[in-house]
Amino acid sequence: MIFRGKQLIFRQMTQVLTITQLGNPILQQKAAAIDNFLDSDCQNLIDSLITTVQAAHGVGIAAPQVARSLRLFIVASHPNPRYPDAPMMPPTAVINPRILRVSEEMVKGWEGCLSVPNWRGFVPRHQWIEVAYYDRNGREIRQVFRDFVARIFQHEYDHLEGILFLDRLASPADLYSEEEYQKISNIAEYKR
């Protein structure tokens, strides 16, 4: 139970949700806007998305990745086995996001996806983005993200548009198996 003002809200236990995999048509659909993000279903979904992304060692997850075609994702950057150099930030719910401005400069960087396991891509993204979204409490947030967190935001935003990182690759040569990616990332780490 949680008290929000004078309102008593019952929350279900959060759970690790099943992650939708490449080939499921929901990953190619444009997600629907959320009208009432303070209701318990939405709040429970946010909590379960956070639990799911943490259990999967991810840095972000979108509602379509758990078979919910809604404009909601979590940005949860933190160092973990999949992204050891990720910056630390608390898990953040992003509801009905809009990208307002983007840098002209595009930067290629490595991405993986919980819905496309065992593959990594060297994906071009805007170096910085200015965004607006609602947080889980209904407050509108305007923010500028840079570098890796901007990459996470753009990747998750693409899920809401029915786009996967595979669709953003400049060349098929930019797609690596996780095994080959680990080999080259270990070589790069050794050369530092």
C-alpha atoms as a PDB file:
ATOM      1  CA  MET A   1       0.000   0.000   0.000  1.00  0.00           C
ATOM      2  CA  ILE A   2       1.111   3.522  -0.774  1.00  0.00           C
ATOM      3  CA  PHE A   3      -0.472   6.791   0.270  1.00  0.00           C
ATOM      4  CA  ARG A   4      -0.476   9.497  -2.387  1.00  0.00           C
ATOM      5  CA  GLY A   5      -1.976  12.548  -0.748  1.00  0.00           C
ATOM      6  CA  LYS A   6      -5.179  11.299   0.841  1.00  0.00           C
ATOM      7  CA  GLN A   7      -5.560   8.551  -1.740  1.00  0.00           C
ATOM      8  CA  LEU A   8      -4.672   4.986  -0.782  1.00  0.00           C
ATOM      9  CA  ILE A   9      -3.139   3.091  -3.687  1.00  0.00           C
ATOM     10  CA  PHE A  10      -2.763  -0.668  -3.705  1.00  0.00           C
ATOM     11  CA  ARG A  11       0.235  -1.874  -5.662  1.00  0.00           C
ATOM     12  CA  GLN A  12       0.699  -5.402  -6.835  1.00  0.00           C
ATOM     13  CA  MET A  13       3.965  -7.137  -6.205  1.00  0.00           C
ATOM     14  CA  THR A  14       6.378  -6.237  -8.968  1.00  0.00           C
ATOM     15  CA  GLN A  15       7.394  -9.060 -11.189  1.00  0.00           C
ATOM     16  CA  VAL A  16       9.963  -9.857 -13.827  1.00  0.00           C
ATOM     17  CA  LEU A  17       8.028  -9.709 -17.078  1.00  0.00           C
ATOM     18  CA  THR A  18       8.627 -11.844 -20.170  1.00  0.00           C
ATOM     19  CA  ILE A  19      10.614  -9.883 -22.747  1.00  0.00           C
ATOM     20  CA  THR A  20       9.129  -9.878 -26.241  1.00  0.00           C
ATOM     21  CA  GLN A  21      11.598 -11.178 -28.831  1.00  0.00           C
ATOM     22  CA  LEU A  22      12.484 -10.183 -32.392  1.00  0.00           C
ATOM     23  CA  GLY A  23       9.747 -11.324 -34.776  1.00  0.00           C
ATOM     24  CA  ASN A  24       6.823 -10.398 -32.525  1.00  0.00           C
ATOM     25  CA  PRO A  25       4.720  -7.853 -34.475  1.00  0.00           C
ATOM     26  CA  ILE A  26       4.218  -5.610 -31.416  1.00  0.00           C
ATOM     27  CA  LEU A  27       7.864  -4.534 -31.798  1.00  0.00           C
ATOM     28  CA  GLN A  28       6.994  -3.028 -35.199  1.00  0.00           C
ATOM     29  CA  GLN A  29       3.927  -1.053 -34.043  1.00  0.00           C
ATOM     30  CA  LYS A  30       3.715   2.571 -33.020  1.00  0.00           C
ATOM     31  CA  ALA A  31       2.761   2.601 -29.321  1.00  0.00           C
ATOM     32  CA  ALA A  32      -0.310   4.398 -27.954  1.00  0.00           C
ATOM     33  CA  ALA A  33      -0.128   7.435 -25.681  1.00  0.00           C
ATOM     34  CA  ILE A  34      -0.943   6.929 -22.016  1.00  0.00           C
ATOM     35  CA  ASP A  35      -3.829   9.035 -20.727  1.00  0.00           C
ATOM     36  CA  ASN A  36      -3.823   8.232 -17.011  1.00  0.00           C
ATOM     37  CA  PHE A  37      -0.334   7.457 -15.780  1.00  0.00           C
ATOM     38  CA  LEU A  38      -1.289   7.792 -12.124  1.00  0.00           C
ATOM     39  CA  ASP A  39      -3.605   4.775 -12.164  1.00  0.00           C
ATOM     40  CA  SER A  40      -2.445   1.592 -10.487  1.00  0.00           C
ATOM     41  CA  ASP A  41      -2.081  -0.402 -13.734  1.00  0.00           C
ATOM     42  CA  CYS A  42       0.402   2.105 -15.114  1.00  0.00           C
ATOM     43  CA  GLN A  43       2.261   2.424 -11.816  1.00  0.00           C
ATOM     44  CA  ASN A  44       2.494  -1.367 -11.506  1.00  0.00           C
ATOM     45  CA  LEU A  45       3.778  -1.599 -15.076  1.00  0.00           C
ATOM     46  CA  ILE A  46       6.466   0.993 -14.281  1.00  0.00           C
ATOM     47  CA  ASP A  47       7.573  -0.982 -11.213  1.00  0.00           C
ATOM     48  CA  SER A  48       7.621  -4.259 -13.160  1.00  0.00           C
ATOM     49  CA  LEU A  49       9.598  -2.680 -16.015  1.00  0.00           C
ATOM     50  CA  ILE A  50      12.207  -1.491 -13.513  1.00  0.00           C
ATOM     51  CA  THR A  51      12.387  -4.964 -11.951  1.00  0.00           C
ATOM     52  CA  THR A  52      12.642  -6.572 -15.398  1.00  0.00           C
ATOM     53  CA  VAL A  53      15.404  -4.304 -16.740  1.00  0.00           C
ATOM     54  CA  GLN A  54      17.434  -4.788 -13.562  1.00  0.00           C
ATOM     55  CA  ALA A  55      17.046  -8.576 -13.683  1.00  0.00           C
ATOM     56  CA  ALA A  56      18.136  -8.604 -17.343  1.00  0.00           C
ATOM     57  CA  HIS A  57      21.188  -6.365 -16.690  1.00  0.00           C
ATOM     58  CA  GLY A  58      19.860  -3.815 -19.151  1.00  0.00           C
ATOM     59  CA  VAL A  59      20.090  -0.038 -19.177  1.00  0.00           C
ATOM     60  CA  GLY A  60      16.622   0.571 -20.604  1.00  0.00           C
ATOM     61  CA  ILE A  61      13.384  -1.163 -21.494  1.00  0.00           C
ATOM     62  CA  ALA A  62      10.217  -0.044 -23.271  1.00  0.00           C
ATOM     63  CA  ALA A  63       6.643  -1.205 -22.693  1.00  0.00           C
ATOM     64  CA  PRO A  64       6.396  -2.800 -26.178  1.00  0.00           C
ATOM     65  CA  GLN A  65       9.246  -5.092 -25.121  1.00  0.00           C
ATOM     66  CA  VAL A  66       6.895  -6.667 -22.579  1.00  0.00           C
ATOM     67  CA  ALA A  67       3.988  -6.841 -25.041  1.00  0.00           C
ATOM     68  CA  ARG A  68       2.344  -3.589 -23.897  1.00  0.00           C
ATOM     69  CA  SER A  69       2.001  -1.130 -26.788  1.00  0.00           C
ATOM     70  CA  LEU A  70       2.194   2.008 -24.634  1.00  0.00           C
ATOM     71  CA  ARG A  71       4.412   5.113 -24.810  1.00  0.00           C
ATOM     72  CA  LEU A  72       6.403   4.293 -21.706  1.00  0.00           C
ATOM     73  CA  PHE A  73       9.990   3.299 -21.137  1.00  0.00           C
ATOM     74  CA  ILE A  74      12.582   3.137 -18.381  1.00  0.00           C
ATOM     75  CA  VAL A  75      16.069   4.614 -18.598  1.00  0.00           C
ATOM     76  CA  ALA A  76      18.209   2.840 -16.006  1.00  0.00           C
ATOM     77  CA  SER A  77      21.844   3.497 -16.824  1.00  0.00           C
ATOM     78  CA  HIS A  78      24.278   1.807 -14.460  1.00  0.00           C
ATOM     79  CA  PRO A  79      27.447  -0.253 -14.799  1.00  0.00           C
ATOM     80  CA  ASN A  80      26.541  -3.909 -15.272  1.00  0.00           C
ATOM     81  CA  PRO A  81      27.862  -7.015 -17.066  1.00  0.00           C
ATOM     82  CA  ARG A  82      26.358  -5.914 -20.417  1.00  0.00           C
ATOM     83  CA  TYR A  83      27.491  -2.255 -20.120  1.00  0.00           C
ATOM     84  CA  PRO A  84      30.390  -2.047 -17.653  1.00  0.00           C
ATOM     85  CA  ASP A  85      31.183   1.616 -18.479  1.00  0.00           C
ATOM     86  CA  ALA A  86      27.608   2.926 -18.258  1.00  0.00           C
ATOM     87  CA  PRO A  87      27.137   6.030 -16.096  1.00  0.00           C
ATOM     88  CA  MET A  88      25.077   5.714 -12.926  1.00  0.00           C
ATOM     89  CA  MET A  89      21.570   7.154 -12.758  1.00  0.00           C
ATOM     90  CA  PRO A  90      18.420   6.075 -10.929  1.00  0.00           C
ATOM     91  CA  PRO A  91      15.812   4.175 -12.964  1.00  0.00           C
ATOM     92  CA  THR A  92      13.612   6.824 -14.563  1.00  0.00           C
ATOM     93  CA  ALA A  93      10.126   6.306 -15.980  1.00  0.00           C
ATOM     94  CA  VAL A  94       9.595   8.194 -19.244  1.00  0.00           C
ATOM     95  CA  ILE A  95       5.942   8.588 -20.275  1.00  0.00           C
ATOM     96  CA  ASN A  96       4.663  10.033 -23.566  1.00  0.00           C
ATOM     97  CA  PRO A  97       8.120  11.346 -24.559  1.00  0.00           C
ATOM     98  CA  ARG A  98       8.856  13.866 -27.290  1.00  0.00           C
ATOM     99  CA  ILE A  99      12.221  14.648 -28.829  1.00  0.00           C
ATOM    100  CA  LEU A 100      12.360  18.435 -29.204  1.00  0.00           C
ATOM    101  CA  ARG A 101      15.841  19.048 -30.615  1.00  0.00           C
ATOM    102  CA  VAL A 102      18.827  16.959 -31.624  1.00  0.00           C
ATOM    103  CA  SER A 103      22.488  17.606 -32.297  1.00  0.00           C
ATOM    104  CA  GLU A 104      23.643  17.639 -35.884  1.00  0.00           C
ATOM    105  CA  GLU A 105      26.577  15.486 -34.852  1.00  0.00           C
ATOM    106  CA  MET A 106      25.958  11.764 -35.074  1.00  0.00           C
ATOM    107  CA  VAL A 107      28.158   9.354 -33.115  1.00  0.00           C
ATOM    108  CA  LYS A 108      28.397   5.609 -33.642  1.00  0.00           C
ATOM    109  CA  GLY A 109      28.328   3.439 -30.553  1.00  0.00           C
ATOM    110  CA  TRP A 110      27.616  -0.145 -29.551  1.00  0.00           C
ATOM    111  CA  GLU A 111      24.064  -1.155 -28.677  1.00  0.00           C
ATOM    112  CA  GLY A 112      22.367  -4.345 -27.724  1.00  0.00           C
ATOM    113  CA  CYS A 113      18.702  -5.003 -27.093  1.00  0.00           C
ATOM    114  CA  LEU A 114      16.871  -7.267 -24.665  1.00  0.00           C
ATOM    115  CA  SER A 115      14.467  -8.118 -27.526  1.00  0.00           C
ATOM    116  CA  VAL A 116      17.336  -9.016 -29.878  1.00  0.00           C
ATOM    117  CA  PRO A 117      19.498 -11.226 -27.660  1.00  0.00           C
ATOM    118  CA  ASN A 118      23.025 -12.227 -28.600  1.00  0.00           C
ATOM    119  CA  TRP A 119      23.544  -9.401 -31.114  1.00  0.00           C
ATOM    120  CA  ARG A 120      25.259  -6.003 -30.916  1.00  0.00           C
ATOM    121  CA  GLY A 121      25.220  -3.203 -33.451  1.00  0.00           C
ATOM    122  CA  PHE A 122      27.463  -0.199 -34.051  1.00  0.00           C
ATOM    123  CA  VAL A 123      24.617   2.327 -34.356  1.00  0.00           C
ATOM    124  CA  PRO A 124      24.730   6.025 -35.309  1.00  0.00           C
ATOM    125  CA  ARG A 125      22.821   8.280 -32.870  1.00  0.00           C
ATOM    126  CA  HIS A 126      22.612  11.997 -32.123  1.00  0.00           C
ATOM    127  CA  GLN A 127      25.264  12.985 -29.584  1.00  0.00           C
ATOM    128  CA  TRP A 128      22.753  15.029 -27.576  1.00  0.00           C
ATOM    129  CA  ILE A 129      18.976  15.404 -27.530  1.00  0.00           C
ATOM    130  CA  GLU A 130      16.539  17.756 -25.833  1.00  0.00           C
ATOM    131  CA  VAL A 131      13.414  15.949 -24.706  1.00  0.00           C
ATOM    132  CA  ALA A 132      10.122  16.423 -22.886  1.00  0.00           C
ATOM    133  CA  TYR A 133       8.248  13.672 -21.074  1.00  0.00           C
ATOM    134  CA  TYR A 134       6.096  13.003 -18.031  1.00  0.00           C
ATOM    135  CA  ASP A 135       7.507  11.272 -14.982  1.00  0.00           C
ATOM    136  CA  ARG A 136       5.577   8.688 -12.996  1.00  0.00           C
ATOM    137  CA  ASN A 137       4.065  11.442 -10.813  1.00  0.00           C
ATOM    138  CA  GLY A 138       2.604  13.323 -13.773  1.00  0.00           C
ATOM    139  CA  ARG A 139       5.180  16.128 -13.811  1.00  0.00           C
ATOM    140  CA  GLU A 140       6.356  17.320 -17.210  1.00  0.00           C
ATOM    141  CA  ILE A 141      10.141  17.179 -17.460  1.00  0.00           C
ATOM    142  CA  ARG A 142      12.327  18.941 -20.042  1.00  0.00           C
ATOM    143  CA  GLN A 143      15.874  17.702 -20.159  1.00  0.00           C
ATOM    144  CA  VAL A 144      18.989  17.454 -22.308  1.00  0.00           C
ATOM    145  CA  PHE A 145      20.718  14.079 -22.458  1.00  0.00           C
ATOM    146  CA  ARG A 146      24.193  13.517 -23.858  1.00  0.00           C
ATOM    147  CA  ASP A 147      26.376  10.646 -24.922  1.00  0.00           C
ATOM    148  CA  PHE A 148      25.444   7.210 -23.543  1.00  0.00           C
ATOM    149  CA  VAL A 149      22.226   8.299 -21.808  1.00  0.00           C
ATOM    150  CA  ALA A 150      21.126  10.092 -25.012  1.00  0.00           C
ATOM    151  CA  ARG A 151      21.801   6.813 -26.834  1.00  0.00           C
ATOM    152  CA  ILE A 152      19.632   4.868 -24.361  1.00  0.00           C
ATOM    153  CA  PHE A 153      16.809   7.411 -24.693  1.00  0.00           C
ATOM    154  CA  GLN A 154      16.897   7.292 -28.504  1.00  0.00           C
ATOM    155  CA  HIS A 155      17.017   3.473 -28.506  1.00  0.00           C
ATOM    156  CA  GLU A 156      14.008   3.188 -26.180  1.00  0.00           C
ATOM    157  CA  TYR A 157      12.124   5.962 -27.989  1.00  0.00           C
ATOM    158  CA  ASP A 158      12.577   3.983 -31.204  1.00  0.00           C
ATOM    159  CA  HIS A 159      10.768   1.050 -29.562  1.00  0.00           C
ATOM    160  CA  LEU A 160       7.725   3.316 -29.153  1.00  0.00           C
ATOM    161  CA  GLU A 161       7.887   4.066 -32.883  1.00  0.00           C
ATOM    162  CA  GLY A 162       8.182   0.398 -33.898  1.00  0.00           C
ATOM    163  CA  ILE A 163      11.882   0.701 -34.777  1.00  0.00           C
ATOM    164  CA  LEU A 164      14.671  -1.630 -33.632  1.00  0.00           C
ATOM    165  CA  PHE A 165      18.385  -0.816 -33.508  1.00  0.00           C
ATOM    166  CA  LEU A 166      18.790  -3.219 -36.443  1.00  0.00           C
ATOM    167  CA  ASP A 167      16.813  -0.722 -38.554  1.00  0.00           C
ATOM    168  CA  ARG A 168      19.342   2.022 -37.700  1.00  0.00           C
ATOM    169  CA  LEU A 169      22.496   0.181 -38.785  1.00  0.00           C
ATOM    170  CA  ALA A 170      24.422   2.025 -41.503  1.00  0.00           C
ATOM    171  CA  SER A 171      25.751  -1.268 -42.879  1.00  0.00           C
ATOM    172  CA  PRO A 172      25.278  -5.005 -42.293  1.00  0.00           C
ATOM    173  CA  ALA A 173      28.986  -5.019 -41.377  1.00  0.00           C
ATOM    174  CA  ASP A 174      28.011  -3.071 -38.213  1.00  0.00           C
ATOM    175  CA  LEU A 175      26.156  -6.092 -36.765  1.00  0.00           C
ATOM    176  CA  TYR A 176      28.121  -8.489 -34.544  1.00  0.00           C
ATOM    177  CA  SER A 177      27.238 -11.574 -32.580  1.00  0.00           C
ATOM    178  CA  GLU A 178      27.618 -11.081 -28.836  1.00  0.00           C
ATOM    179  CA  GLU A 179      30.546 -13.521 -28.906  1.00  0.00           C
ATOM    180  CA  GLU A 180      32.417 -11.522 -31.580  1.00  0.00           C
ATOM    181  CA  TYR A 181      31.548  -8.248 -29.868  1.00  0.00           C
ATOM    182  CA  GLN A 182      33.050  -9.546 -26.603  1.00  0.00           C
ATOM    183  CA  LYS A 183      36.250 -10.469 -28.442  1.00  0.00           C
ATOM    184  CA  ILE A 184      36.684  -7.000 -29.941  1.00  0.00           C
ATOM    185  CA  SER A 185      35.634  -5.194 -26.760  1.00  0.00           C
ATOM    186  CA  ASN A 186      38.188  -7.201 -24.763  1.00  0.00           C
ATOM    187  CA  ILE A 187      40.870  -6.248 -27.306  1.00  0.00           C
ATOM    188  CA  ALA A 188      39.851  -2.571 -27.044  1.00  0.00           C
ATOM    189  CA  GLU A 189      39.971  -2.778 -23.223  1.00  0.00           C
ATOM    190  CA  TYR A 190      43.424  -4.398 -23.386  1.00  0.00           C
ATOM    191  CA  LYS A 191      44.744  -1.570 -25.617  1.00  0.00           C
ATOM    192  CA  ARG A 192      43.625   1.178 -23.169  1.00  0.00           C
END
